[in-house]
Protein backbone atom coordinates (compact mmCIF):
# COMPACT_ATOMS: atom_id res chain seq x y z
CA MET A 1 135.21 114.15 71.09
CA VAL A 2 131.30 111.36 72.00
CA GLU A 3 129.09 113.98 72.41
CA ARG A 4 127.77 113.35 75.96
CA LEU A 5 123.22 113.32 77.50
CA PRO A 6 121.89 116.27 79.78
CA LEU A 7 121.92 113.48 82.63
CA SER A 8 123.11 113.56 85.82
CA VAL A 9 124.55 109.73 87.15
CA ILE A 10 124.35 109.62 91.27
CA ILE A 11 126.38 107.10 92.86
CA LEU A 12 125.64 106.29 96.07
CA ALA A 13 129.33 105.14 97.65
CA ARG A 14 130.80 104.25 100.78
CA ASN A 15 134.09 102.62 100.44
CA GLU A 16 133.72 101.65 97.19
CA ALA A 17 137.57 102.29 95.59
CA VAL A 18 138.12 98.93 93.99
CA ILE A 19 134.89 98.53 91.59
CA LEU A 20 133.75 102.18 91.29
CA PRO A 21 136.18 102.32 88.21
CA ASN A 22 134.25 99.86 86.24
CA THR A 23 131.23 101.08 87.34
CA ILE A 24 131.83 104.68 86.57
CA ALA A 25 133.49 103.86 82.54
CA ALA A 26 130.08 102.37 81.80
CA LEU A 27 128.79 106.11 82.40
CA ARG A 28 130.75 107.82 79.90
CA PHE A 29 127.49 108.38 77.46
CA ALA A 30 126.17 110.99 80.53
CA ASN A 31 127.77 114.58 80.97
CA ASP A 32 127.66 114.49 84.89
CA ILE A 33 128.80 111.75 87.40
CA ILE A 34 127.89 112.25 90.75
CA VAL A 35 129.37 109.55 93.33
CA VAL A 36 127.53 110.84 96.86
CA ASP A 37 130.15 109.63 99.72
CA SER A 38 128.75 108.51 102.68
CA GLY A 39 131.74 108.64 105.26
CA SER A 40 134.27 105.88 103.54
CA THR A 41 137.14 105.39 105.43
CA ASP A 42 139.22 104.18 101.77
CA ASP A 43 140.41 105.66 98.58
CA THR A 44 136.67 106.06 97.01
CA LYS A 45 137.16 110.16 96.68
CA ILE A 46 140.15 109.61 94.91
CA VAL A 47 139.72 106.80 92.68
CA ALA A 48 136.18 108.65 91.88
CA GLU A 49 137.34 111.53 90.95
CA LYS A 50 140.63 110.19 88.94
CA ALA A 51 137.51 107.74 86.63
CA GLY A 52 136.23 111.49 86.02
CA ALA A 53 133.32 111.50 88.54
CA ARG A 54 132.24 114.50 90.73
CA VAL A 55 132.61 114.16 94.33
CA VAL A 56 130.17 115.55 97.02
CA GLU A 57 129.55 113.97 100.55
CA GLU A 58 126.00 113.38 102.28
CA LEU A 59 125.96 112.30 106.04
CA TRP A 60 124.23 108.65 106.56
CA PRO A 61 120.97 109.19 107.29
CA GLY A 62 119.90 105.70 108.07
CA ASP A 63 118.10 105.17 105.34
CA PHE A 64 118.59 105.00 102.00
CA SER A 65 115.26 106.73 100.37
CA VAL A 66 116.34 109.63 102.08
CA LEU A 67 119.97 109.94 100.63
CA ARG A 68 118.76 109.41 97.48
CA ASN A 69 116.64 112.50 97.79
CA GLN A 70 119.55 114.56 99.10
CA ALA A 71 121.59 113.52 95.88
CA ASP A 72 119.12 114.73 93.59
CA LEU A 73 120.03 118.04 94.80
CA HIS A 74 123.53 117.48 93.60
CA ALA A 75 122.27 116.96 89.89
CA ASN A 76 123.05 119.62 87.40
CA TYR A 77 120.43 118.32 84.65
CA ASP A 78 116.84 117.50 84.76
CA TRP A 79 116.98 113.67 84.24
CA ILE A 80 118.57 111.82 86.65
CA LEU A 81 120.33 108.09 86.94
CA HIS A 82 120.98 106.20 89.51
CA ILE A 83 122.94 103.65 89.63
CA ASP A 84 124.66 101.82 92.58
CA ALA A 85 128.48 101.24 92.93
CA ASP A 86 128.45 97.67 92.28
CA GLU A 87 126.24 97.61 88.95
CA VAL A 88 127.58 98.37 85.84
CA VAL A 89 125.12 99.73 82.83
CA THR A 90 125.34 97.50 79.85
CA PRO A 91 126.67 98.90 76.09
CA GLU A 92 123.75 97.80 74.84
CA LEU A 93 121.50 99.61 77.58
CA ALA A 94 123.30 102.18 76.95
CA GLU A 95 122.59 102.16 73.80
CA GLU A 96 118.93 102.35 74.74
CA ILE A 97 119.51 104.91 76.72
CA LYS A 98 120.83 107.60 73.89
CA ARG A 99 118.10 106.27 71.70
CA PHE A 100 115.63 107.67 74.86
CA PHE A 101 117.21 110.85 74.09
CA SER A 102 117.61 111.26 70.49
CA ASP A 103 114.21 109.39 70.03
CA GLY A 104 111.90 112.49 71.52
CA LEU A 105 110.98 109.93 74.10
CA ALA A 106 112.70 112.02 76.91
CA ASP A 107 110.12 114.60 76.53
CA GLN A 108 106.92 111.93 76.50
CA TYR A 109 107.60 109.83 79.43
CA LEU A 110 108.64 111.22 83.18
CA ALA A 111 110.31 107.98 84.07
CA ALA A 112 111.96 104.32 83.04
CA ARG A 113 113.29 101.45 84.37
CA PHE A 114 114.75 98.54 83.45
CA PRO A 115 115.73 94.93 84.03
CA ARG A 116 118.50 93.76 86.61
CA LYS A 117 120.77 90.98 86.31
CA GLU A 118 122.01 89.95 89.48
CA LYS A 119 126.03 88.42 89.22
CA MET A 120 126.17 86.02 92.28
CA PHE A 121 129.12 83.86 92.93
CA GLY A 122 130.35 84.45 89.72
CA LYS A 123 126.97 83.39 88.17
CA CYS A 124 124.07 84.88 86.24
CA ILE A 125 121.17 84.37 88.39
CA MET A 126 118.56 83.89 86.32
CA HIS A 127 115.81 82.27 87.63
CA GLY A 128 114.23 81.71 91.79
CA GLY A 129 112.35 85.43 90.91
CA TRP A 130 115.48 87.12 90.33
CA TYR A 131 115.20 87.84 86.72
CA PRO A 132 114.09 90.40 85.66
CA GLN A 133 113.74 92.79 88.71
CA TYR A 134 112.79 95.69 86.71
CA LYS A 135 114.70 98.78 88.68
CA LEU A 136 113.05 102.43 88.03
CA ARG A 137 116.18 104.14 88.22
CA LEU A 138 115.68 106.91 85.31
CA TYR A 139 113.62 109.87 85.74
CA ARG A 140 112.83 113.83 85.08
CA LYS A 141 113.95 115.18 88.30
CA GLY A 142 111.29 116.92 90.32
CA SER A 143 108.54 114.00 88.76
CA GLY A 144 108.59 112.06 92.29
CA ILE A 145 110.13 111.11 95.37
CA TRP A 146 111.92 107.47 96.58
CA GLU A 147 110.28 105.77 99.21
CA GLY A 148 111.43 102.64 101.52
CA ARG A 149 114.46 102.73 104.59
CA VAL A 150 116.29 99.83 102.85
CA HIS A 151 114.16 98.29 100.48
CA GLU A 152 114.03 101.88 98.68
CA ALA A 153 111.89 102.51 95.52
CA PHE A 154 111.04 106.05 93.16
CA LYS A 155 107.85 106.88 93.68
CA SER A 156 106.07 108.38 90.04
CA SER A 157 102.71 109.13 88.55
CA GLY A 158 103.10 109.39 85.44
CA GLU A 159 103.43 107.09 82.46
CA ILE A 160 107.17 104.76 82.60
CA TYR A 161 108.61 103.77 79.45
CA THR A 162 110.81 100.40 80.21
CA PHE A 163 114.10 99.43 78.43
CA SER A 164 115.07 95.87 77.29
CA SER A 165 118.71 95.41 77.97
CA PRO A 166 119.98 95.13 81.40
CA ILE A 167 122.38 96.34 84.22
CA VAL A 168 124.64 93.74 86.03
CA HIS A 169 124.80 94.04 89.65
CA ASP A 170 127.44 92.03 90.95
CA SER A 171 126.98 92.78 94.37
CA TYR A 172 127.75 89.47 95.64
CA LYS A 173 130.99 88.15 95.45
CA ASP A 174 130.84 85.03 98.08
CA ILE A 175 129.17 83.66 100.75
CA ALA A 176 130.54 85.94 103.84
CA THR A 177 129.37 89.41 101.82
CA PHE A 178 126.01 88.05 100.68
CA ILE A 179 126.03 87.36 104.96
CA SER A 180 127.54 91.04 105.83
CA LYS A 181 124.90 92.65 103.33
CA PHE A 182 122.30 90.70 104.26
CA ASN A 183 123.00 90.98 108.20
CA SER A 184 122.72 94.84 107.47
CA TYR A 185 120.31 94.66 105.87
CA SER A 186 118.19 92.84 108.40
CA SER A 187 119.02 95.47 111.05
CA LEU A 188 117.23 98.34 109.19
CA ASP A 189 114.11 96.04 108.36
CA ALA A 190 113.79 94.71 111.84
CA LEU A 191 114.07 98.05 113.46
CA ASP A 192 111.75 99.68 111.06
CA ALA A 193 109.08 97.11 111.57
CA PHE A 194 109.38 97.13 115.17
CA ASN A 195 109.02 101.04 114.58
CA LYS A 196 106.10 100.43 112.52
CA GLY A 197 104.71 98.57 116.00
CA LYS A 198 104.63 95.09 114.06
CA LYS A 199 104.45 92.39 116.23
CA PHE A 200 106.79 89.40 117.16
CA SER A 201 105.03 86.28 116.03
CA PHE A 202 106.97 82.49 116.83
CA VAL A 203 105.19 81.25 114.23
CA LYS A 204 105.72 83.54 111.59
CA THR A 205 109.59 83.02 112.64
CA PHE A 206 109.49 79.42 112.65
CA PHE A 207 107.52 78.90 109.01
CA GLN A 208 108.54 82.14 107.16
CA PRO A 209 111.88 81.45 106.44
CA PHE A 210 110.90 77.69 104.72
CA GLU A 211 107.99 79.64 102.88
CA ARG A 212 110.80 81.83 101.80
CA PHE A 213 113.44 78.99 100.70
CA ILE A 214 110.27 77.22 98.88
CA GLY A 215 108.89 80.20 97.25
CA ARG A 216 112.01 80.82 95.52
CA TYR A 217 113.82 77.48 95.14
CA PHE A 218 110.72 75.91 94.09
CA ILE A 219 107.91 77.70 92.85
CA HIS A 220 110.48 80.25 90.99
CA ARG A 221 112.62 77.61 89.60
CA GLY A 222 115.61 78.69 91.19
CA TYR A 223 116.79 74.80 91.09
CA ARG A 224 117.23 75.44 87.36
CA ASP A 225 120.38 78.07 88.51
CA GLY A 226 121.98 74.68 89.70
CA PHE A 227 123.41 74.81 93.38
CA HIS A 228 123.48 78.16 93.22
CA GLY A 229 120.15 78.09 93.27
CA PHE A 230 119.94 76.39 96.35
CA VAL A 231 122.57 77.95 98.30
CA ILE A 232 120.42 81.91 97.29
CA ALA A 233 117.47 80.41 98.55
CA ALA A 234 118.69 78.62 101.82
CA MET A 235 120.44 82.43 102.83
CA ILE A 236 117.27 84.64 101.62
CA GLY A 237 115.19 81.92 104.31
CA PHE A 238 117.80 82.92 106.66
CA ASN A 239 117.74 86.42 106.06
CA TYR A 240 113.67 86.54 107.12
CA LEU A 241 114.84 84.33 110.16
CA LEU A 242 117.21 87.08 111.07
CA ARG A 243 114.75 89.78 110.41
CA ASN A 244 112.51 87.98 112.32
CA LEU A 245 114.71 87.26 115.55
CA LYS A 246 116.22 91.12 115.05
CA LEU A 247 112.37 92.08 115.71
CA TRP A 248 112.07 90.07 118.91
CA GLU A 249 115.50 91.83 120.29
CA HIS A 250 113.82 95.25 119.85
CA TRP A 251 110.66 94.18 121.94
CA TYR A 252 112.06 92.29 124.14
CA ARG A 253 114.53 95.29 124.95
CA SER A 254 112.09 97.57 125.17
CA ARG A 255 110.22 95.57 127.61
CA SER A 256 113.32 95.19 129.49
CA ASP A 257 113.61 99.45 129.65
CA ARG A 258 110.42 99.83 130.61
CA ARG A 259 110.55 96.88 133.77
CA GLY A 260 113.60 99.96 134.40
């Protein structure tokens, strides 16, 4: 029998029955795998339990950092690893994580990060600012806190260890999926900006999408990923257009409500 690490892995999920088996299968090195379900209507719970995970239910609070902080309360061990349902830990990273514990590094650091390799439309994207994106996901319980409604990040004051091997993020199978996800993200971003009192700017709405496209495609050399790089850069620009338009919508409705 393979000895497993005293490690709790947390996977946030909602209607992820199709992809969860591969995600969980790559986490066999951990002794505690938890799927935190937020209102799935498919077989997510059944599939997760069959794959060897335990399932807990948490209502969607409208904020990813709040959900992650709540999820940490279900961990059985002092060390926690957060993996998204559409991410897979590579065998190389799994070996590095094992050595992190066996070599005593877990006694020297409070947290660790690793690069994330994006797979979009069937291709690993290595340019355009997409790789490496370091993600701090492994940490000692209580060493920090998750912050950010959408683009959440774990904030820790301790020294951070860096792994060299990546996880693979395969979330964007096609353009329709990309648009659907970024439509949701842009809505949350716009609401967050509105709640913070950020004003709508026509100039920003007009120029920011072009600036983001140029940054991704030319400055960060997204063109080296071929036409994939062009499509992704264009979609990122479109995402910023949506953010600004939705922010305008919030302010317009707010003024209309005040007028009665």
